[in-house]
PDB file of N, CA and C in Angstrom:
ATOM      1  N   UNK A   1     -32.072 -35.208  -1.834  1.00  0.00           N
ATOM      2  CA  UNK A   1     -31.001 -34.822  -2.729  1.00  0.00           C
ATOM      3  C   UNK A   1     -30.803 -33.308  -2.739  1.00  0.00           C
ATOM      4  N   UNK A   2     -31.900 -32.580  -2.718  1.00  0.00           N
ATOM      5  CA  UNK A   2     -31.832 -31.123  -2.771  1.00  0.00           C
ATOM      6  C   UNK A   2     -31.200 -30.540  -1.504  1.00  0.00           C
ATOM      7  N   UNK A   3     -31.492 -31.167  -0.383  1.00  0.00           N
ATOM      8  CA  UNK A   3     -30.950 -30.680   0.885  1.00  0.00           C
ATOM      9  C   UNK A   3     -29.424 -30.790   0.920  1.00  0.00           C
ATOM     10  N   UNK A   4     -28.900 -31.849   0.413  1.00  0.00           N
ATOM     11  CA  UNK A   4     -27.461 -32.065   0.436  1.00  0.00           C
ATOM     12  C   UNK A   4     -26.711 -30.979  -0.331  1.00  0.00           C
ATOM     13  N   UNK A   5     -27.186 -30.617  -1.492  1.00  0.00           N
ATOM     14  CA  UNK A   5     -26.490 -29.587  -2.266  1.00  0.00           C
ATOM     15  C   UNK A   5     -26.590 -28.230  -1.580  1.00  0.00           C
ATOM     16  N   UNK A   6     -27.760 -27.926  -1.022  1.00  0.00           N
ATOM     17  CA  UNK A   6     -27.884 -26.626  -0.333  1.00  0.00           C
ATOM     18  C   UNK A   6     -27.021 -26.612   0.926  1.00  0.00           C
ATOM     19  N   UNK A   7     -26.949 -27.749   1.645  1.00  0.00           N
ATOM     20  CA  UNK A   7     -26.072 -27.847   2.813  1.00  0.00           C
ATOM     21  C   UNK A   7     -24.616 -27.647   2.413  1.00  0.00           C
ATOM     22  N   UNK A   8     -24.235 -28.247   1.300  1.00  0.00           N
ATOM     23  CA  UNK A   8     -22.854 -28.087   0.818  1.00  0.00           C
ATOM     24  C   UNK A   8     -22.559 -26.637   0.467  1.00  0.00           C
ATOM     25  N   UNK A   9     -23.544 -25.997  -0.185  1.00  0.00           N
ATOM     26  CA  UNK A   9     -23.349 -24.592  -0.544  1.00  0.00           C
ATOM     27  C   UNK A   9     -23.195 -23.721   0.703  1.00  0.00           C
ATOM     28  N   UNK A  10     -24.013 -23.991   1.695  1.00  0.00           N
ATOM     29  CA  UNK A  10     -23.930 -23.227   2.954  1.00  0.00           C
ATOM     30  C   UNK A  10     -22.590 -23.487   3.627  1.00  0.00           C
ATOM     31  N   UNK A  11     -22.154 -24.727   3.608  1.00  0.00           N
ATOM     32  CA  UNK A  11     -20.861 -25.085   4.212  1.00  0.00           C
ATOM     33  C   UNK A  11     -19.708 -24.379   3.492  1.00  0.00           C
ATOM     34  N   UNK A  12     -19.751 -24.403   2.170  1.00  0.00           N
ATOM     35  CA  UNK A  12     -18.706 -23.739   1.382  1.00  0.00           C
ATOM     36  C   UNK A  12     -18.725 -22.233   1.645  1.00  0.00           C
ATOM     37  N   UNK A  13     -19.920 -21.662   1.705  1.00  0.00           N
ATOM     38  CA  UNK A  13     -20.059 -20.227   1.960  1.00  0.00           C
ATOM     39  C   UNK A  13     -19.462 -19.866   3.326  1.00  0.00           C
ATOM     40  N   UNK A  14     -19.791 -20.660   4.346  1.00  0.00           N
ATOM     41  CA  UNK A  14     -19.268 -20.398   5.692  1.00  0.00           C
ATOM     42  C   UNK A  14     -17.748 -20.530   5.733  1.00  0.00           C
ATOM     43  N   UNK A  15     -17.216 -21.517   5.005  1.00  0.00           N
ATOM     44  CA  UNK A  15     -15.763 -21.695   4.968  1.00  0.00           C
ATOM     45  C   UNK A  15     -15.098 -20.481   4.295  1.00  0.00           C
ATOM     46  N   UNK A  16     -15.692 -20.014   3.200  1.00  0.00           N
ATOM     47  CA  UNK A  16     -15.139 -18.841   2.521  1.00  0.00           C
ATOM     48  C   UNK A  16     -15.199 -17.595   3.394  1.00  0.00           C
ATOM     49  N   UNK A  17     -16.284 -17.438   4.120  1.00  0.00           N
ATOM     50  CA  UNK A  17     -16.407 -16.284   5.032  1.00  0.00           C
ATOM     51  C   UNK A  17     -15.333 -16.356   6.112  1.00  0.00           C
ATOM     52  N   UNK A  18     -15.128 -17.561   6.653  1.00  0.00           N
ATOM     53  CA  UNK A  18     -14.105 -17.747   7.691  1.00  0.00           C
ATOM     54  C   UNK A  18     -12.705 -17.432   7.140  1.00  0.00           C
ATOM     55  N   UNK A  19     -12.413 -17.950   5.938  1.00  0.00           N
ATOM     56  CA  UNK A  19     -11.111 -17.674   5.306  1.00  0.00           C
ATOM     57  C   UNK A  19     -10.918 -16.179   5.088  1.00  0.00           C
ATOM     58  N   UNK A  20     -11.978 -15.526   4.646  1.00  0.00           N
ATOM     59  CA  UNK A  20     -11.908 -14.082   4.390  1.00  0.00           C
ATOM     60  C   UNK A  20     -11.590 -13.319   5.673  1.00  0.00           C
ATOM     61  N   UNK A  21     -12.223 -13.704   6.771  1.00  0.00           N
ATOM     62  CA  UNK A  21     -11.966 -13.047   8.060  1.00  0.00           C
ATOM     63  C   UNK A  21     -10.517 -13.253   8.509  1.00  0.00           C
ATOM     64  N   UNK A  22     -10.006 -14.468   8.293  1.00  0.00           N
ATOM     65  CA  UNK A  22      -8.608 -14.746   8.669  1.00  0.00           C
ATOM     66  C   UNK A  22      -7.647 -13.866   7.873  1.00  0.00           C
ATOM     67  N   UNK A  23      -7.899 -13.744   6.576  1.00  0.00           N
ATOM     68  CA  UNK A  23      -7.038 -12.915   5.732  1.00  0.00           C
ATOM     69  C   UNK A  23      -7.130 -11.459   6.161  1.00  0.00           C
ATOM     70  N   UNK A  24      -8.335 -10.993   6.472  1.00  0.00           N
ATOM     71  CA  UNK A  24      -8.503  -9.606   6.924  1.00  0.00           C
ATOM     72  C   UNK A  24      -7.716  -9.346   8.202  1.00  0.00           C
ATOM     73  N   UNK A  25      -7.770 -10.291   9.149  1.00  0.00           N
ATOM     74  CA  UNK A  25      -7.034 -10.137  10.404  1.00  0.00           C
ATOM     75  C   UNK A  25      -5.524 -10.101  10.154  1.00  0.00           C
ATOM     76  N   UNK A  26      -5.054 -10.988   9.265  1.00  0.00           N
ATOM     77  CA  UNK A  26      -3.620 -11.040   8.965  1.00  0.00           C
ATOM     78  C   UNK A  26      -3.141  -9.717   8.377  1.00  0.00           C
ATOM     79  N   UNK A  27      -3.909  -9.186   7.428  1.00  0.00           N
ATOM     80  CA  UNK A  27      -3.491  -7.938   6.795  1.00  0.00           C
ATOM     81  C   UNK A  27      -3.654  -6.746   7.718  1.00  0.00           C
ATOM     82  N   UNK A  28      -4.606  -6.825   8.647  1.00  0.00           N
ATOM     83  CA  UNK A  28      -4.761  -5.755   9.632  1.00  0.00           C
ATOM     84  C   UNK A  28      -3.506  -5.661  10.499  1.00  0.00           C
ATOM     85  N   UNK A  29      -3.005  -6.821  10.923  1.00  0.00           N
ATOM     86  CA  UNK A  29      -1.785  -6.862  11.743  1.00  0.00           C
ATOM     87  C   UNK A  29      -0.589  -6.343  10.942  1.00  0.00           C
ATOM     88  N   UNK A  30      -0.448  -6.797   9.689  1.00  0.00           N
ATOM     89  CA  UNK A  30       0.656  -6.333   8.842  1.00  0.00           C
ATOM     90  C   UNK A  30       0.605  -4.820   8.651  1.00  0.00           C
ATOM     91  N   UNK A  31      -0.598  -4.291   8.400  1.00  0.00           N
ATOM     92  CA  UNK A  31      -0.764  -2.855   8.195  1.00  0.00           C
ATOM     93  C   UNK A  31      -0.346  -2.085   9.443  1.00  0.00           C
ATOM     94  N   UNK A  32      -0.763  -2.595  10.597  1.00  0.00           N
ATOM     95  CA  UNK A  32      -0.429  -1.925  11.862  1.00  0.00           C
ATOM     96  C   UNK A  32       1.089  -1.872  12.060  1.00  0.00           C
ATOM     97  N   UNK A  33       1.766  -2.997  11.809  1.00  0.00           N
ATOM     98  CA  UNK A  33       3.224  -3.055  11.985  1.00  0.00           C
ATOM     99  C   UNK A  33       3.924  -2.115  11.008  1.00  0.00           C
ATOM    100  N   UNK A  34       3.486  -2.124   9.750  1.00  0.00           N
ATOM    101  CA  UNK A  34       4.136  -1.292   8.740  1.00  0.00           C
ATOM    102  C   UNK A  34       3.922   0.192   9.018  1.00  0.00           C
ATOM    103  N   UNK A  35       2.726   0.569   9.455  1.00  0.00           N
ATOM    104  CA  UNK A  35       2.480   1.994   9.723  1.00  0.00           C
ATOM    105  C   UNK A  35       3.280   2.454  10.935  1.00  0.00           C
ATOM    106  N   UNK A  36       3.479   1.566  11.909  1.00  0.00           N
ATOM    107  CA  UNK A  36       4.316   1.929  13.071  1.00  0.00           C
ATOM    108  C   UNK A  36       5.730   2.243  12.616  1.00  0.00           C
ATOM    109  N   UNK A  37       6.270   1.366  11.783  1.00  0.00           N
ATOM    110  CA  UNK A  37       7.636   1.552  11.279  1.00  0.00           C
ATOM    111  C   UNK A  37       7.743   2.828  10.439  1.00  0.00           C
ATOM    112  N   UNK A  38       6.732   3.070   9.593  1.00  0.00           N
ATOM    113  CA  UNK A  38       6.750   4.278   8.768  1.00  0.00           C
ATOM    114  C   UNK A  38       6.673   5.533   9.638  1.00  0.00           C
ATOM    115  N   UNK A  39       5.861   5.496  10.679  1.00  0.00           N
ATOM    116  CA  UNK A  39       5.749   6.650  11.576  1.00  0.00           C
ATOM    117  C   UNK A  39       7.082   6.905  12.275  1.00  0.00           C
ATOM    118  N   UNK A  40       7.758   5.838  12.670  1.00  0.00           N
ATOM    119  CA  UNK A  40       9.069   5.978  13.330  1.00  0.00           C
ATOM    120  C   UNK A  40      10.084   6.602  12.374  1.00  0.00           C
ATOM    121  N   UNK A  41      10.086   6.115  11.130  1.00  0.00           N
ATOM    122  CA  UNK A  41      11.006   6.663  10.128  1.00  0.00           C
ATOM    123  C   UNK A  41      10.708   8.142   9.860  1.00  0.00           C
ATOM    124  N   UNK A  42       9.430   8.498   9.785  1.00  0.00           N
ATOM    125  CA  UNK A  42       9.053   9.892   9.553  1.00  0.00           C
ATOM    126  C   UNK A  42       9.515  10.771  10.713  1.00  0.00           C
ATOM    127  N   UNK A  43       9.386  10.267  11.932  1.00  0.00           N
ATOM    128  CA  UNK A  43       9.829  11.016  13.113  1.00  0.00           C
ATOM    129  C   UNK A  43      11.332  11.276  13.043  1.00  0.00           C
ATOM    130  N   UNK A  44      12.095  10.266  12.639  1.00  0.00           N
ATOM    131  CA  UNK A  44      13.547  10.415  12.517  1.00  0.00           C
ATOM    132  C   UNK A  44      13.877  11.476  11.469  1.00  0.00           C
ATOM    133  N   UNK A  45      13.191  11.412  10.326  1.00  0.00           N
ATOM    134  CA  UNK A  45      13.443  12.383   9.251  1.00  0.00           C
ATOM    135  C   UNK A  45      13.094  13.793   9.706  1.00  0.00           C
ATOM    136  N   UNK A  46      11.955  13.945  10.391  1.00  0.00           N
ATOM    137  CA  UNK A  46      11.555  15.265  10.871  1.00  0.00           C
ATOM    138  C   UNK A  46      12.578  15.826  11.855  1.00  0.00           C
ATOM    139  N   UNK A  47      13.074  14.976  12.738  1.00  0.00           N
ATOM    140  CA  UNK A  47      14.073  15.421  13.708  1.00  0.00           C
ATOM    141  C   UNK A  47      15.346  15.863  13.002  1.00  0.00           C
ATOM    142  N   UNK A  48      15.780  15.061  12.025  1.00  0.00           N
ATOM    143  CA  UNK A  48      16.993  15.424  11.279  1.00  0.00           C
ATOM    144  C   UNK A  48      16.809  16.747  10.552  1.00  0.00           C
ATOM    145  N   UNK A  49      15.646  16.904   9.916  1.00  0.00           N
ATOM    146  CA  UNK A  49      15.373  18.164   9.208  1.00  0.00           C
ATOM    147  C   UNK A  49      15.376  19.343  10.160  1.00  0.00           C
ATOM    148  N   UNK A  50      14.773  19.158  11.338  1.00  0.00           N
ATOM    149  CA  UNK A  50      14.738  20.241  12.319  1.00  0.00           C
ATOM    150  C   UNK A  50      16.162  20.588  12.758  1.00  0.00           C
ATOM    151  N   UNK A  51      16.974  19.563  12.990  1.00  0.00           N
ATOM    152  CA  UNK A  51      18.355  19.801  13.414  1.00  0.00           C
ATOM    153  C   UNK A  51      19.144  20.525  12.330  1.00  0.00           C
ATOM    154  N   UNK A  52      18.899  20.172  11.071  1.00  0.00           N
ATOM    155  CA  UNK A  52      19.593  20.843   9.970  1.00  0.00           C
ATOM    156  C   UNK A  52      19.175  22.311   9.860  1.00  0.00           C
ATOM    157  N   UNK A  53      17.911  22.578  10.112  1.00  0.00           N
ATOM    158  CA  UNK A  53      17.414  23.949   9.973  1.00  0.00           C
ATOM    159  C   UNK A  53      17.740  24.833  11.175  1.00  0.00           C
ATOM    160  N   UNK A  54      17.964  24.213  12.346  1.00  0.00           N
ATOM    161  CA  UNK A  54      18.183  24.991  13.570  1.00  0.00           C
ATOM    162  C   UNK A  54      19.478  24.596  14.278  1.00  0.00           C
ATOM    163  N   UNK A  55      20.624  24.832  13.653  1.00  0.00           N
ATOM    164  CA  UNK A  55      21.881  24.423  14.302  1.00  0.00           C
ATOM    165  C   UNK A  55      22.143  25.178  15.606  1.00  0.00           C
ATOM    166  N   UNK A  56      21.703  26.434  15.673  1.00  0.00           N
ATOM    167  CA  UNK A  56      21.922  27.217  16.892  1.00  0.00           C
ATOM    168  C   UNK A  56      21.153  26.603  18.063  1.00  0.00           C
ATOM    169  N   UNK A  57      19.893  26.248  17.825  1.00  0.00           N
ATOM    170  CA  UNK A  57      19.094  25.645  18.899  1.00  0.00           C
ATOM    171  C   UNK A  57      19.646  24.286  19.313  1.00  0.00           C
ATOM    172  N   UNK A  58      20.183  23.552  18.355  1.00  0.00           N
ATOM    173  CA  UNK A  58      20.788  22.256  18.682  1.00  0.00           C
ATOM    174  C   UNK A  58      21.995  22.464  19.589  1.00  0.00           C
ATOM    175  N   UNK A  59      22.812  23.451  19.264  1.00  0.00           N
ATOM    176  CA  UNK A  59      23.991  23.710  20.101  1.00  0.00           C
ATOM    177  C   UNK A  59      23.558  24.173  21.495  1.00  0.00           C
ATOM    178  N   UNK A  60      22.483  24.955  21.564  1.00  0.00           N
ATOM    179  CA  UNK A  60      21.981  25.388  22.875  1.00  0.00           C
ATOM    180  C   UNK A  60      21.484  24.184  23.681  1.00  0.00           C
ATOM    181  N   UNK A  61      20.814  23.260  23.024  1.00  0.00           N
ATOM    182  CA  UNK A  61      20.361  22.033  23.698  1.00  0.00           C
ATOM    183  C   UNK A  61      21.544  21.258  24.257  1.00  0.00           C
ATOM    184  N   UNK A  62      22.563  21.097  23.430  1.00  0.00           N
ATOM    185  CA  UNK A  62      23.749  20.361  23.867  1.00  0.00           C
ATOM    186  C   UNK A  62      24.400  21.034  25.066  1.00  0.00           C
ATOM    187  N   UNK A  63      24.486  22.361  24.988  1.00  0.00           N
ATOM    188  CA  UNK A  63      25.094  23.116  26.085  1.00  0.00           C
ATOM    189  C   UNK A  63      24.284  22.951  27.367  1.00  0.00           C
ATOM    190  N   UNK A  64      22.947  23.033  27.222  1.00  0.00           N
ATOM    191  CA  UNK A  64      22.066  22.887  28.380  1.00  0.00           C
ATOM    192  C   UNK A  64      22.219  21.496  29.003  1.00  0.00           C
ATOM    193  N   UNK A  65      22.284  20.461  28.141  1.00  0.00           N
ATOM    194  CA  UNK A  65      22.462  19.094  28.644  1.00  0.00           C
ATOM    195  C   UNK A  65      23.806  18.941  29.346  1.00  0.00           C
ATOM    196  N   UNK A  66      24.837  19.527  28.756  1.00  0.00           N
ATOM    197  CA  UNK A  66      26.172  19.444  29.354  1.00  0.00           C
ATOM    198  C   UNK A  66      26.172  20.080  30.743  1.00  0.00           C
ATOM    199  N   UNK A  67      25.586  21.258  30.833  1.00  0.00           N
ATOM    200  CA  UNK A  67      25.527  21.954  32.126  1.00  0.00           C
ATOM    201  C   UNK A  67      24.708  21.148  33.126  1.00  0.00           C
ATOM    202  N   UNK A  68      23.587  20.585  32.675  1.00  0.00           N
ATOM    203  CA  UNK A  68      22.732  19.788  33.553  1.00  0.00           C
ATOM    204  C   UNK A  68      23.509  18.582  34.096  1.00  0.00           C
ATOM    205  N   UNK A  69      24.214  17.888  33.224  1.00  0.00           N
ATOM    206  CA  UNK A  69      24.986  16.709  33.655  1.00  0.00           C
ATOM    207  C   UNK A  69      26.079  17.121  34.627  1.00  0.00           C
ATOM    208  N   UNK A  70      26.754  18.226  34.295  1.00  0.00           N
ATOM    209  CA  UNK A  70      27.833  18.708  35.151  1.00  0.00           C
ATOM    210  C   UNK A  70      27.301  19.063  36.544  1.00  0.00           C
ATOM    211  N   UNK A  71      26.179  19.774  36.589  1.00  0.00           N
ATOM    212  CA  UNK A  71      25.605  20.193  37.869  1.00  0.00           C
ATOM    213  C   UNK A  71      25.094  18.996  38.679  1.00  0.00           C
ATOM    214  N   UNK A  72      24.422  18.063  38.020  1.00  0.00           N
ATOM    215  CA  UNK A  72      23.914  16.904  38.765  1.00  0.00           C
ATOM    216  C   UNK A  72      25.065  16.075  39.311  1.00  0.00           C
ATOM    217  N   UNK A  73      26.141  15.957  38.555  1.00  0.00           N
ATOM    218  CA  UNK A  73      27.305  15.217  39.046  1.00  0.00           C
ATOM    219  C   UNK A  73      27.919  15.934  40.252  1.00  0.00           C
ATOM    220  N   UNK A  74      28.002  17.241  40.153  1.00  0.00           N
ATOM    221  CA  UNK A  74      28.562  18.033  41.251  1.00  0.00           C
ATOM    222  C   UNK A  74      27.712  17.868  42.519  1.00  0.00           C
ATOM    223  N   UNK A  75      26.388  17.971  42.327  1.00  0.00           N
ATOM    224  CA  UNK A  75      25.493  17.830  43.496  1.00  0.00           C
ATOM    225  C   UNK A  75      25.548  16.416  44.075  1.00  0.00           C
ATOM    226  N   UNK A  76      25.645  15.429  43.218  1.00  0.00           N
ATOM    227  CA  UNK A  76      25.748  14.061  43.695  1.00  0.00           C
ATOM    228  C   UNK A  76      27.022  13.875  44.510  1.00  0.00           C
ATOM    229  N   UNK A  77      28.107  14.459  44.042  1.00  0.00           N
ATOM    230  CA  UNK A  77      29.370  14.348  44.776  1.00  0.00           C
ATOM    231  C   UNK A  77      29.308  15.072  46.116  1.00  0.00           C
ATOM    232  N   UNK A  78      28.584  16.180  46.159  1.00  0.00           N
ATOM    233  CA  UNK A  78      28.426  16.902  47.424  1.00  0.00           C
ATOM    234  C   UNK A  78      27.643  16.058  48.412  1.00  0.00           C
ATOM    235  N   UNK A  79      26.582  15.409  47.915  1.00  0.00           N
ATOM    236  CA  UNK A  79      25.717  14.610  48.799  1.00  0.00           C
ATOM    237  C   UNK A  79      26.397  13.323  49.263  1.00  0.00           C
ATOM    238  N   UNK A  80      27.317  12.796  48.478  1.00  0.00           N
ATOM    239  CA  UNK A  80      27.978  11.548  48.868  1.00  0.00           C
ATOM    240  C   UNK A  80      29.072  11.757  49.842  1.00  0.00           C
TER     241      UNK A  80
END
């Protein structure tokens, strides 16, 4: 009689440990996904703030990109 109750207790304990591990894994995955999204949002905000604070540098970037595209198109047309 004594063995049965101790076996049941051990079984219940093992089941609870298993359930706890499953919950930990689930929340670990949720945490990872949420922190990724938060990091992405923070990156967007930082970029916007930088653009607001440095309009001259933004315009220089745009100009540089425009010139780069123009030159690569010109060179491509020469090669074709």
